Amino acid sequence: MPTNREQYLRRMKLPTEQSYSISELARFSGLPRSALQEVYNRGTGAYSNLGSVRLRGSFAKNPDTRRFPAAARLSKEQWSFARVYSFLNKGKTYHTADADIARRIGY
């Protein structure tokens, strides 16, 4: 199953092997950079709940923080960008935790 990042970049016909900044994603999507930055910042804040942070490689969700330490999980930055791509794809947090941002920008 493709990641939110892969889905979004394919839909926008962008190379998936490149990295993109918040500013570039804002330009591609037509959304305000400040809104995507806010989603990113919320992702960074949510990272403290390690039970919801996915594992590297498999992206499996495993709340057993004793068995899978932080080093086995996505980094704070990866987690935050994953939330941005999910928002761009109108995924889970678009409808829940980031719904206020979506409403405010009319997305």
PDB file of N, CA and C in Angstrom:
ATOM      1  N   MET A   1       0.848  -1.177   0.000  1.00  0.00           N
ATOM      2  CA  MET A   1       0.000   0.000   0.000  1.00  0.00           C
ATOM      3  C   MET A   1       0.896   1.244   0.000  1.00  0.00           C
ATOM      4  N   PRO A   2       0.671   2.152  -0.934  1.00  0.00           N
ATOM      5  CA  PRO A   2       1.513   3.351  -0.990  1.00  0.00           C
ATOM      6  C   PRO A   2       1.262   4.283   0.192  1.00  0.00           C
ATOM      7  N   THR A   3       2.296   4.998   0.588  1.00  0.00           N
ATOM      8  CA  THR A   3       2.182   5.957   1.682  1.00  0.00           C
ATOM      9  C   THR A   3       1.412   7.188   1.209  1.00  0.00           C
ATOM     10  N   ASN A   4       1.001   8.026   2.151  1.00  0.00           N
ATOM     11  CA  ASN A   4       0.337   9.281   1.788  1.00  0.00           C
ATOM     12  C   ASN A   4       1.249  10.135   0.910  1.00  0.00           C
ATOM     13  N   ARG A   5       2.538  10.127   1.211  1.00  0.00           N
ATOM     14  CA  ARG A   5       3.504  10.884   0.422  1.00  0.00           C
ATOM     15  C   ARG A   5       3.508  10.395  -1.021  1.00  0.00           C
ATOM     16  N   GLU A   6       3.626   9.091  -1.193  1.00  0.00           N
ATOM     17  CA  GLU A   6       3.646   8.515  -2.549  1.00  0.00           C
ATOM     18  C   GLU A   6       2.345   8.817  -3.293  1.00  0.00           C
ATOM     19  N   GLN A   7       1.226   8.671  -2.624  1.00  0.00           N
ATOM     20  CA  GLN A   7      -0.066   8.949  -3.253  1.00  0.00           C
ATOM     21  C   GLN A   7      -0.154  10.399  -3.708  1.00  0.00           C
ATOM     22  N   TYR A   8       0.233  11.309  -2.831  1.00  0.00           N
ATOM     23  CA  TYR A   8       0.138  12.733  -3.167  1.00  0.00           C
ATOM     24  C   TYR A   8       1.074  13.093  -4.319  1.00  0.00           C
ATOM     25  N   LEU A   9       2.322  12.661  -4.240  1.00  0.00           N
ATOM     26  CA  LEU A   9       3.292  13.014  -5.283  1.00  0.00           C
ATOM     27  C   LEU A   9       2.905  12.416  -6.631  1.00  0.00           C
ATOM     28  N   ARG A  10       2.384  11.219  -6.643  1.00  0.00           N
ATOM     29  CA  ARG A  10       1.911  10.619  -7.906  1.00  0.00           C
ATOM     30  C   ARG A  10       0.743  11.404  -8.469  1.00  0.00           C
ATOM     31  N   ARG A  11      -0.189  11.786  -7.590  1.00  0.00           N
ATOM     32  CA  ARG A  11      -1.345  12.559  -8.045  1.00  0.00           C
ATOM     33  C   ARG A  11      -0.919  13.897  -8.646  1.00  0.00           C
ATOM     34  N   MET A  12       0.127  14.499  -8.064  1.00  0.00           N
ATOM     35  CA  MET A  12       0.627  15.785  -8.549  1.00  0.00           C
ATOM     36  C   MET A  12       1.657  15.618  -9.673  1.00  0.00           C
ATOM     37  N   LYS A  13       1.944  14.351 -10.034  1.00  0.00           N
ATOM     38  CA  LYS A  13       2.916  14.027 -11.085  1.00  0.00           C
ATOM     39  C   LYS A  13       4.308  14.594 -10.769  1.00  0.00           C
ATOM     40  N   LEU A  14       4.726  14.387  -9.516  1.00  0.00           N
ATOM     41  CA  LEU A  14       6.035  14.835  -9.045  1.00  0.00           C
ATOM     42  C   LEU A  14       6.907  13.614  -8.764  1.00  0.00           C
ATOM     43  N   PRO A  15       8.221  13.742  -8.969  1.00  0.00           N
ATOM     44  CA  PRO A  15       9.122  12.615  -8.680  1.00  0.00           C
ATOM     45  C   PRO A  15       9.072  12.223  -7.206  1.00  0.00           C
ATOM     46  N   THR A  16       8.925  10.942  -6.937  1.00  0.00           N
ATOM     47  CA  THR A  16       8.835  10.478  -5.555  1.00  0.00           C
ATOM     48  C   THR A  16      10.199  10.326  -4.900  1.00  0.00           C
ATOM     49  N   GLU A  17      11.266  10.329  -5.692  1.00  0.00           N
ATOM     50  CA  GLU A  17      12.598  10.161  -5.105  1.00  0.00           C
ATOM     51  C   GLU A  17      13.185  11.476  -4.581  1.00  0.00           C
ATOM     52  N   GLN A  18      12.515  12.582  -4.808  1.00  0.00           N
ATOM     53  CA  GLN A  18      12.973  13.888  -4.323  1.00  0.00           C
ATOM     54  C   GLN A  18      12.334  14.218  -2.980  1.00  0.00           C
ATOM     55  N   SER A  19      12.997  15.110  -2.243  1.00  0.00           N
ATOM     56  CA  SER A  19      12.438  15.642  -1.005  1.00  0.00           C
ATOM     57  C   SER A  19      11.820  17.001  -1.300  1.00  0.00           C
ATOM     58  N   TYR A  20      10.767  17.342  -0.571  1.00  0.00           N
ATOM     59  CA  TYR A  20      10.077  18.607  -0.790  1.00  0.00           C
ATOM     60  C   TYR A  20       9.907  19.335   0.533  1.00  0.00           C
ATOM     61  N   SER A  21      10.062  20.638   0.492  1.00  0.00           N
ATOM     62  CA  SER A  21       9.894  21.464   1.687  1.00  0.00           C
ATOM     63  C   SER A  21       8.427  21.836   1.872  1.00  0.00           C
ATOM     64  N   ILE A  22       8.115  22.379   3.026  1.00  0.00           N
ATOM     65  CA  ILE A  22       6.762  22.876   3.294  1.00  0.00           C
ATOM     66  C   ILE A  22       6.403  23.942   2.255  1.00  0.00           C
ATOM     67  N   SER A  23       7.341  24.826   1.954  1.00  0.00           N
ATOM     68  CA  SER A  23       7.088  25.889   0.969  1.00  0.00           C
ATOM     69  C   SER A  23       6.770  25.315  -0.411  1.00  0.00           C
ATOM     70  N   GLU A  24       7.515  24.299  -0.819  1.00  0.00           N
ATOM     71  CA  GLU A  24       7.251  23.677  -2.120  1.00  0.00           C
ATOM     72  C   GLU A  24       5.892  22.991  -2.130  1.00  0.00           C
ATOM     73  N   LEU A  25       5.566  22.291  -1.056  1.00  0.00           N
ATOM     74  CA  LEU A  25       4.266  21.618  -0.976  1.00  0.00           C
ATOM     75  C   LEU A  25       3.130  22.636  -0.999  1.00  0.00           C
ATOM     76  N   ALA A  26       3.333  23.770  -0.359  1.00  0.00           N
ATOM     77  CA  ALA A  26       2.320  24.828  -0.384  1.00  0.00           C
ATOM     78  C   ALA A  26       2.138  25.341  -1.811  1.00  0.00           C
ATOM     79  N   ARG A  27       3.228  25.534  -2.513  1.00  0.00           N
ATOM     80  CA  ARG A  27       3.150  26.019  -3.894  1.00  0.00           C
ATOM     81  C   ARG A  27       2.448  24.999  -4.793  1.00  0.00           C
ATOM     82  N   PHE A  28       2.807  23.715  -4.660  1.00  0.00           N
ATOM     83  CA  PHE A  28       2.186  22.671  -5.486  1.00  0.00           C
ATOM     84  C   PHE A  28       0.692  22.545  -5.208  1.00  0.00           C
ATOM     85  N   SER A  29       0.326  22.644  -3.938  1.00  0.00           N
ATOM     86  CA  SER A  29      -1.064  22.418  -3.539  1.00  0.00           C
ATOM     87  C   SER A  29      -1.941  23.660  -3.651  1.00  0.00           C
ATOM     88  N   GLY A  30      -1.308  24.831  -3.650  1.00  0.00           N
ATOM     89  CA  GLY A  30      -2.080  26.071  -3.652  1.00  0.00           C
ATOM     90  C   GLY A  30      -2.594  26.454  -2.273  1.00  0.00           C
ATOM     91  N   LEU A  31      -2.157  25.753  -1.249  1.00  0.00           N
ATOM     92  CA  LEU A  31      -2.578  26.046   0.122  1.00  0.00           C
ATOM     93  C   LEU A  31      -1.577  27.008   0.766  1.00  0.00           C
ATOM     94  N   PRO A  32      -2.021  27.765   1.762  1.00  0.00           N
ATOM     95  CA  PRO A  32      -1.097  28.673   2.447  1.00  0.00           C
ATOM     96  C   PRO A  32       0.020  27.906   3.158  1.00  0.00           C
ATOM     97  N   ARG A  33       1.232  28.406   3.016  1.00  0.00           N
ATOM     98  CA  ARG A  33       2.377  27.798   3.680  1.00  0.00           C
ATOM     99  C   ARG A  33       2.157  27.763   5.190  1.00  0.00           C
ATOM    100  N   SER A  34       1.571  28.811   5.723  1.00  0.00           N
ATOM    101  CA  SER A  34       1.350  28.892   7.168  1.00  0.00           C
ATOM    102  C   SER A  34       0.443  27.756   7.657  1.00  0.00           C
ATOM    103  N   ALA A  35      -0.524  27.360   6.846  1.00  0.00           N
ATOM    104  CA  ALA A  35      -1.421  26.272   7.240  1.00  0.00           C
ATOM    105  C   ALA A  35      -0.670  24.941   7.273  1.00  0.00           C
ATOM    106  N   LEU A  36       0.149  24.688   6.252  1.00  0.00           N
ATOM    107  CA  LEU A  36       0.920  23.444   6.237  1.00  0.00           C
ATOM    108  C   LEU A  36       1.962  23.440   7.348  1.00  0.00           C
ATOM    109  N   GLN A  37       2.522  24.611   7.648  1.00  0.00           N
ATOM    110  CA  GLN A  37       3.482  24.701   8.749  1.00  0.00           C
ATOM    111  C   GLN A  37       2.793  24.395  10.078  1.00  0.00           C
ATOM    112  N   GLU A  38       1.558  24.842  10.224  1.00  0.00           N
ATOM    113  CA  GLU A  38       0.810  24.563  11.450  1.00  0.00           C
ATOM    114  C   GLU A  38       0.532  23.070  11.595  1.00  0.00           C
ATOM    115  N   VAL A  39       0.174  22.409  10.486  1.00  0.00           N
ATOM    116  CA  VAL A  39      -0.037  20.961  10.515  1.00  0.00           C
ATOM    117  C   VAL A  39       1.266  20.263  10.905  1.00  0.00           C
ATOM    118  N   TYR A  40       2.382  20.701  10.310  1.00  0.00           N
ATOM    119  CA  TYR A  40       3.695  20.139  10.624  1.00  0.00           C
ATOM    120  C   TYR A  40       4.009  20.319  12.109  1.00  0.00           C
ATOM    121  N   ASN A  41       3.802  21.526  12.619  1.00  0.00           N
ATOM    122  CA  ASN A  41       4.088  21.807  14.025  1.00  0.00           C
ATOM    123  C   ASN A  41       3.238  20.954  14.957  1.00  0.00           C
ATOM    124  N   ARG A  42       1.994  20.730  14.599  1.00  0.00           N
ATOM    125  CA  ARG A  42       1.131  19.873  15.408  1.00  0.00           C
ATOM    126  C   ARG A  42       1.644  18.432  15.383  1.00  0.00           C
ATOM    127  N   GLY A  43       2.161  18.016  14.236  1.00  0.00           N
ATOM    128  CA  GLY A  43       2.756  16.680  14.142  1.00  0.00           C
ATOM    129  C   GLY A  43       3.947  16.544  15.061  1.00  0.00           C
ATOM    130  N   THR A  44       4.757  17.586  15.115  1.00  0.00           N
ATOM    131  CA  THR A  44       5.911  17.592  16.004  1.00  0.00           C
ATOM    132  C   THR A  44       5.458  17.483  17.455  1.00  0.00           C
ATOM    133  N   GLY A  45       4.410  18.198  17.801  1.00  0.00           N
ATOM    134  CA  GLY A  45       3.876  18.132  19.161  1.00  0.00           C
ATOM    135  C   GLY A  45       3.284  16.775  19.482  1.00  0.00           C
ATOM    136  N   ALA A  46       2.633  16.153  18.516  1.00  0.00           N
ATOM    137  CA  ALA A  46       1.998  14.854  18.734  1.00  0.00           C
ATOM    138  C   ALA A  46       3.023  13.729  18.840  1.00  0.00           C
ATOM    139  N   TYR A  47       4.229  13.997  18.401  1.00  0.00           N
ATOM    140  CA  TYR A  47       5.277  12.975  18.421  1.00  0.00           C
ATOM    141  C   TYR A  47       5.563  12.471  19.836  1.00  0.00           C
ATOM    142  N   SER A  48       5.275  13.273  20.830  1.00  0.00           N
ATOM    143  CA  SER A  48       5.558  12.868  22.215  1.00  0.00           C
ATOM    144  C   SER A  48       4.753  11.632  22.624  1.00  0.00           C
ATOM    145  N   ASN A  49       3.675  11.324  21.900  1.00  0.00           N
ATOM    146  CA  ASN A  49       2.884  10.117  22.158  1.00  0.00           C
ATOM    147  C   ASN A  49       3.493   8.980  21.328  1.00  0.00           C
ATOM    148  N   LEU A  50       4.597   8.388  21.818  1.00  0.00           N
ATOM    149  CA  LEU A  50       5.332   7.387  21.038  1.00  0.00           C
ATOM    150  C   LEU A  50       4.500   6.179  20.648  1.00  0.00           C
ATOM    151  N   GLY A  51       3.452   5.895  21.372  1.00  0.00           N
ATOM    152  CA  GLY A  51       2.614   4.751  21.038  1.00  0.00           C
ATOM    153  C   GLY A  51       1.942   4.872  19.685  1.00  0.00           C
ATOM    154  N   SER A  52       1.771   6.097  19.187  1.00  0.00           N
ATOM    155  CA  SER A  52       1.126   6.272  17.890  1.00  0.00           C
ATOM    156  C   SER A  52       2.123   6.494  16.753  1.00  0.00           C
ATOM    157  N   VAL A  53       3.402   6.637  17.073  1.00  0.00           N
ATOM    158  CA  VAL A  53       4.418   6.875  16.050  1.00  0.00           C
ATOM    159  C   VAL A  53       4.783   5.554  15.381  1.00  0.00           C
ATOM    160  N   ARG A  54       4.728   5.539  14.060  1.00  0.00           N
ATOM    161  CA  ARG A  54       4.953   4.317  13.288  1.00  0.00           C
ATOM    162  C   ARG A  54       6.413   3.866  13.323  1.00  0.00           C
ATOM    163  N   LEU A  55       6.596   2.568  13.084  1.00  0.00           N
ATOM    164  CA  LEU A  55       7.941   2.004  13.032  1.00  0.00           C
ATOM    165  C   LEU A  55       8.601   2.317  11.695  1.00  0.00           C
ATOM    166  N   ARG A  56       9.914   2.483  11.720  1.00  0.00           N
ATOM    167  CA  ARG A  56      10.670   2.706  10.488  1.00  0.00           C
ATOM    168  C   ARG A  56      10.544   1.476   9.597  1.00  0.00           C
ATOM    169  N   GLY A  57      10.542   1.709   8.294  1.00  0.00           N
ATOM    170  CA  GLY A  57      10.535   0.602   7.338  1.00  0.00           C
ATOM    171  C   GLY A  57       9.160   0.027   7.085  1.00  0.00           C
ATOM    172  N   SER A  58       8.559  -0.587   8.088  1.00  0.00           N
ATOM    173  CA  SER A  58       7.260  -1.237   7.893  1.00  0.00           C
ATOM    174  C   SER A  58       6.097  -0.278   8.074  1.00  0.00           C
ATOM    175  N   PHE A  59       6.314   0.838   8.769  1.00  0.00           N
ATOM    176  CA  PHE A  59       5.285   1.818   9.118  1.00  0.00           C
ATOM    177  C   PHE A  59       4.184   1.206   9.977  1.00  0.00           C
ATOM    178  N   ALA A  60       4.504   0.067  10.594  1.00  0.00           N
ATOM    179  CA  ALA A  60       3.530  -0.590  11.464  1.00  0.00           C
ATOM    180  C   ALA A  60       3.345   0.224  12.736  1.00  0.00           C
ATOM    181  N   LYS A  61       2.113   0.243  13.219  1.00  0.00           N
ATOM    182  CA  LYS A  61       1.812   0.931  14.467  1.00  0.00           C
ATOM    183  C   LYS A  61       1.905  -0.090  15.595  1.00  0.00           C
ATOM    184  N   ASN A  62       2.717   0.217  16.586  1.00  0.00           N
ATOM    185  CA  ASN A  62       2.869  -0.704  17.707  1.00  0.00           C
ATOM    186  C   ASN A  62       3.045   0.103  18.975  1.00  0.00           C
ATOM    187  N   PRO A  63       2.072   0.072  19.861  1.00  0.00           N
ATOM    188  CA  PRO A  63       2.141   0.891  21.068  1.00  0.00           C
ATOM    189  C   PRO A  63       3.120   0.388  22.130  1.00  0.00           C
ATOM    190  N   ASP A  64       3.771  -0.755  21.912  1.00  0.00           N
ATOM    191  CA  ASP A  64       4.674  -1.307  22.916  1.00  0.00           C
ATOM    192  C   ASP A  64       5.990  -0.531  22.914  1.00  0.00           C
ATOM    193  N   THR A  65       6.037   0.566  23.669  1.00  0.00           N
ATOM    194  CA  THR A  65       7.213   1.435  23.661  1.00  0.00           C
ATOM    195  C   THR A  65       8.423   0.796  24.346  1.00  0.00           C
ATOM    196  N   ARG A  66       8.226  -0.233  25.140  1.00  0.00           N
ATOM    197  CA  ARG A  66       9.367  -0.927  25.746  1.00  0.00           C
ATOM    198  C   ARG A  66      10.076  -1.795  24.721  1.00  0.00           C
ATOM    199  N   ARG A  67       9.308  -2.419  23.859  1.00  0.00           N
ATOM    200  CA  ARG A  67       9.872  -3.328  22.856  1.00  0.00           C
ATOM    201  C   ARG A  67      10.452  -2.557  21.675  1.00  0.00           C
ATOM    202  N   PHE A  68       9.841  -1.436  21.318  1.00  0.00           N
ATOM    203  CA  PHE A  68      10.278  -0.639  20.181  1.00  0.00           C
ATOM    204  C   PHE A  68      10.609   0.767  20.656  1.00  0.00           C
ATOM    205  N   PRO A  69      11.859   1.037  20.985  1.00  0.00           N
ATOM    206  CA  PRO A  69      12.247   2.358  21.473  1.00  0.00           C
ATOM    207  C   PRO A  69      12.149   3.418  20.378  1.00  0.00           C
ATOM    208  N   ALA A  70      12.345   4.655  20.764  1.00  0.00           N
ATOM    209  CA  ALA A  70      12.238   5.774  19.830  1.00  0.00           C
ATOM    210  C   ALA A  70      13.132   5.591  18.610  1.00  0.00           C
ATOM    211  N   ALA A  71      14.297   4.994  18.768  1.00  0.00           N
ATOM    212  CA  ALA A  71      15.226   4.815  17.649  1.00  0.00           C
ATOM    213  C   ALA A  71      14.658   3.902  16.560  1.00  0.00           C
ATOM    214  N   ALA A  72      13.688   3.056  16.904  1.00  0.00           N
ATOM    215  CA  ALA A  72      13.084   2.151  15.928  1.00  0.00           C
ATOM    216  C   ALA A  72      11.914   2.803  15.197  1.00  0.00           C
ATOM    217  N   ARG A  73      11.557   3.986  15.633  1.00  0.00           N
ATOM    218  CA  ARG A  73      10.390   4.669  15.079  1.00  0.00           C
ATOM    219  C   ARG A  73      10.805   5.782  14.126  1.00  0.00           C
ATOM    220  N   LEU A  74       9.830   6.324  13.403  1.00  0.00           N
ATOM    221  CA  LEU A  74      10.091   7.459  12.533  1.00  0.00           C
ATOM    222  C   LEU A  74      10.633   8.622  13.370  1.00  0.00           C
ATOM    223  N   SER A  75      11.447   9.462  12.752  1.00  0.00           N
ATOM    224  CA  SER A  75      11.936  10.641  13.466  1.00  0.00           C
ATOM    225  C   SER A  75      10.800  11.654  13.613  1.00  0.00           C
ATOM    226  N   LYS A  76      11.013  12.630  14.455  1.00  0.00           N
ATOM    227  CA  LYS A  76      10.025  13.686  14.674  1.00  0.00           C
ATOM    228  C   LYS A  76       9.695  14.389  13.347  1.00  0.00           C
ATOM    229  N   GLU A  77      10.719  14.643  12.547  1.00  0.00           N
ATOM    230  CA  GLU A  77      10.540  15.327  11.262  1.00  0.00           C
ATOM    231  C   GLU A  77       9.762  14.454  10.271  1.00  0.00           C
ATOM    232  N   GLN A  78      10.114  13.162  10.209  1.00  0.00           N
ATOM    233  CA  GLN A  78       9.400  12.244   9.318  1.00  0.00           C
ATOM    234  C   GLN A  78       7.929  12.141   9.718  1.00  0.00           C
ATOM    235  N   TRP A  79       7.695  12.042  11.018  1.00  0.00           N
ATOM    236  CA  TRP A  79       6.329  11.948  11.530  1.00  0.00           C
ATOM    237  C   TRP A  79       5.526  13.201  11.173  1.00  0.00           C
ATOM    238  N   SER A  80       6.165  14.356  11.306  1.00  0.00           N
ATOM    239  CA  SER A  80       5.493  15.628  11.020  1.00  0.00           C
ATOM    240  C   SER A  80       5.185  15.771   9.540  1.00  0.00           C
ATOM    241  N   PHE A  81       6.135  15.392   8.680  1.00  0.00           N
ATOM    242  CA  PHE A  81       5.874  15.457   7.238  1.00  0.00           C
ATOM    243  C   PHE A  81       4.805  14.445   6.836  1.00  0.00           C
ATOM    244  N   ALA A  82       4.773  13.291   7.485  1.00  0.00           N
ATOM    245  CA  ALA A  82       3.725  12.310   7.196  1.00  0.00           C
ATOM    246  C   ALA A  82       2.354  12.909   7.483  1.00  0.00           C
ATOM    247  N   ARG A  83       2.265  13.687   8.544  1.00  0.00           N
ATOM    248  CA  ARG A  83       0.995  14.339   8.882  1.00  0.00           C
ATOM    249  C   ARG A  83       0.624  15.373   7.827  1.00  0.00           C
ATOM    250  N   VAL A  84       1.605  16.105   7.307  1.00  0.00           N
ATOM    251  CA  VAL A  84       1.344  17.082   6.244  1.00  0.00           C
ATOM    252  C   VAL A  84       0.819  16.376   5.004  1.00  0.00           C
ATOM    253  N   TYR A  85       1.470  15.291   4.595  1.00  0.00           N
ATOM    254  CA  TYR A  85       1.011  14.557   3.400  1.00  0.00           C
ATOM    255  C   TYR A  85      -0.369  13.956   3.625  1.00  0.00           C
ATOM    256  N   SER A  86      -0.653  13.481   4.832  1.00  0.00           N
ATOM    257  CA  SER A  86      -1.984  12.976   5.141  1.00  0.00           C
ATOM    258  C   SER A  86      -3.023  14.094   5.014  1.00  0.00           C
ATOM    259  N   PHE A  87      -2.674  15.272   5.512  1.00  0.00           N
ATOM    260  CA  PHE A  87      -3.572  16.432   5.399  1.00  0.00           C
ATOM    261  C   PHE A  87      -3.819  16.766   3.928  1.00  0.00           C
ATOM    262  N   LEU A  88      -2.760  16.781   3.128  1.00  0.00           N
ATOM    263  CA  LEU A  88      -2.907  17.091   1.701  1.00  0.00           C
ATOM    264  C   LEU A  88      -3.795  16.072   0.991  1.00  0.00           C
ATOM    265  N   ASN A  89      -3.766  14.826   1.454  1.00  0.00           N
ATOM    266  CA  ASN A  89      -4.611  13.767   0.885  1.00  0.00           C
ATOM    267  C   ASN A  89      -5.988  13.704   1.537  1.00  0.00           C
ATOM    268  N   LYS A  90      -6.261  14.629   2.440  1.00  0.00           N
ATOM    269  CA  LYS A  90      -7.514  14.643   3.193  1.00  0.00           C
ATOM    270  C   LYS A  90      -7.715  13.341   3.962  1.00  0.00           C
ATOM    271  N   GLY A  91      -6.639  12.937   4.640  1.00  0.00           N
ATOM    272  CA  GLY A  91      -6.648  11.725   5.452  1.00  0.00           C
ATOM    273  C   GLY A  91      -7.240  11.962   6.823  1.00  0.00           C
ATOM    274  N   LYS A  92      -6.871  11.100   7.762  1.00  0.00           N
ATOM    275  CA  LYS A  92      -7.492  11.077   9.086  1.00  0.00           C
ATOM    276  C   LYS A  92      -7.453  12.421   9.817  1.00  0.00           C
ATOM    277  N   THR A  93      -6.274  13.028   9.967  1.00  0.00           N
ATOM    278  CA  THR A  93      -6.217  14.249  10.768  1.00  0.00           C
ATOM    279  C   THR A  93      -6.869  15.434  10.064  1.00  0.00           C
ATOM    280  N   TYR A  94      -7.010  15.351   8.744  1.00  0.00           N
ATOM    281  CA  TYR A  94      -7.747  16.393   8.017  1.00  0.00           C
ATOM    282  C   TYR A  94      -9.172  16.476   8.560  1.00  0.00           C
ATOM    283  N   HIS A  95      -9.731  15.313   8.894  1.00  0.00           N
ATOM    284  CA  HIS A  95     -11.113  15.241   9.380  1.00  0.00           C
ATOM    285  C   HIS A  95     -11.222  15.358  10.899  1.00  0.00           C
ATOM    286  N   THR A  96     -10.091  15.216  11.604  1.00  0.00           N
ATOM    287  CA  THR A  96     -10.152  15.215  13.065  1.00  0.00           C
ATOM    288  C   THR A  96      -9.298  16.348  13.645  1.00  0.00           C
ATOM    289  N   ALA A  97      -8.059  16.045  13.990  1.00  0.00           N
ATOM    290  CA  ALA A  97      -7.204  16.996  14.713  1.00  0.00           C
ATOM    291  C   ALA A  97      -6.882  18.275  13.937  1.00  0.00           C
ATOM    292  N   ASP A  98      -6.849  18.204  12.607  1.00  0.00           N
ATOM    293  CA  ASP A  98      -6.526  19.383  11.803  1.00  0.00           C
ATOM    294  C   ASP A  98      -7.733  19.938  11.040  1.00  0.00           C
ATOM    295  N   ALA A  99      -8.928  19.499  11.420  1.00  0.00           N
ATOM    296  CA  ALA A  99     -10.139  19.948  10.734  1.00  0.00           C
ATOM    297  C   ALA A  99     -10.324  21.458  10.849  1.00  0.00           C
ATOM    298  N   ASP A 100      -9.904  22.036  11.972  1.00  0.00           N
ATOM    299  CA  ASP A 100     -10.045  23.489  12.136  1.00  0.00           C
ATOM    300  C   ASP A 100      -9.185  24.255  11.125  1.00  0.00           C
ATOM    301  N   ILE A 101      -8.014  23.729  10.809  1.00  0.00           N
ATOM    302  CA  ILE A 101      -7.151  24.357   9.808  1.00  0.00           C
ATOM    303  C   ILE A 101      -7.802  24.254   8.433  1.00  0.00           C
ATOM    304  N   ALA A 102      -8.307  23.058   8.103  1.00  0.00           N
ATOM    305  CA  ALA A 102      -8.958  22.845   6.810  1.00  0.00           C
ATOM    306  C   ALA A 102     -10.145  23.802   6.631  1.00  0.00           C
ATOM    307  N   ARG A 103     -10.953  23.952   7.677  1.00  0.00           N
ATOM    308  CA  ARG A 103     -12.103  24.872   7.607  1.00  0.00           C
ATOM    309  C   ARG A 103     -11.637  26.310   7.429  1.00  0.00           C
ATOM    310  N   ARG A 104     -10.615  26.694   8.204  1.00  0.00           N
ATOM    311  CA  ARG A 104     -10.133  28.076   8.171  1.00  0.00           C
ATOM    312  C   ARG A 104      -9.617  28.471   6.777  1.00  0.00           C
ATOM    313  N   ILE A 105      -8.982  27.534   6.070  1.00  0.00           N
ATOM    314  CA  ILE A 105      -8.422  27.858   4.747  1.00  0.00           C
ATOM    315  C   ILE A 105      -9.346  27.454   3.604  1.00  0.00           C
ATOM    316  N   GLY A 106     -10.498  26.864   3.950  1.00  0.00           N
ATOM    317  CA  GLY A 106     -11.457  26.472   2.927  1.00  0.00           C
ATOM    318  C   GLY A 106     -10.991  25.310   2.069  1.00  0.00           C
ATOM    319  N   TYR A 107     -10.309  24.368   2.694  1.00  0.00           N
ATOM    320  CA  TYR A 107      -9.755  23.215   1.952  1.00  0.00           C
ATOM    321  C   TYR A 107     -10.617  22.010   2.164  1.00  0.00           C
TER     322      TYR A 107
END
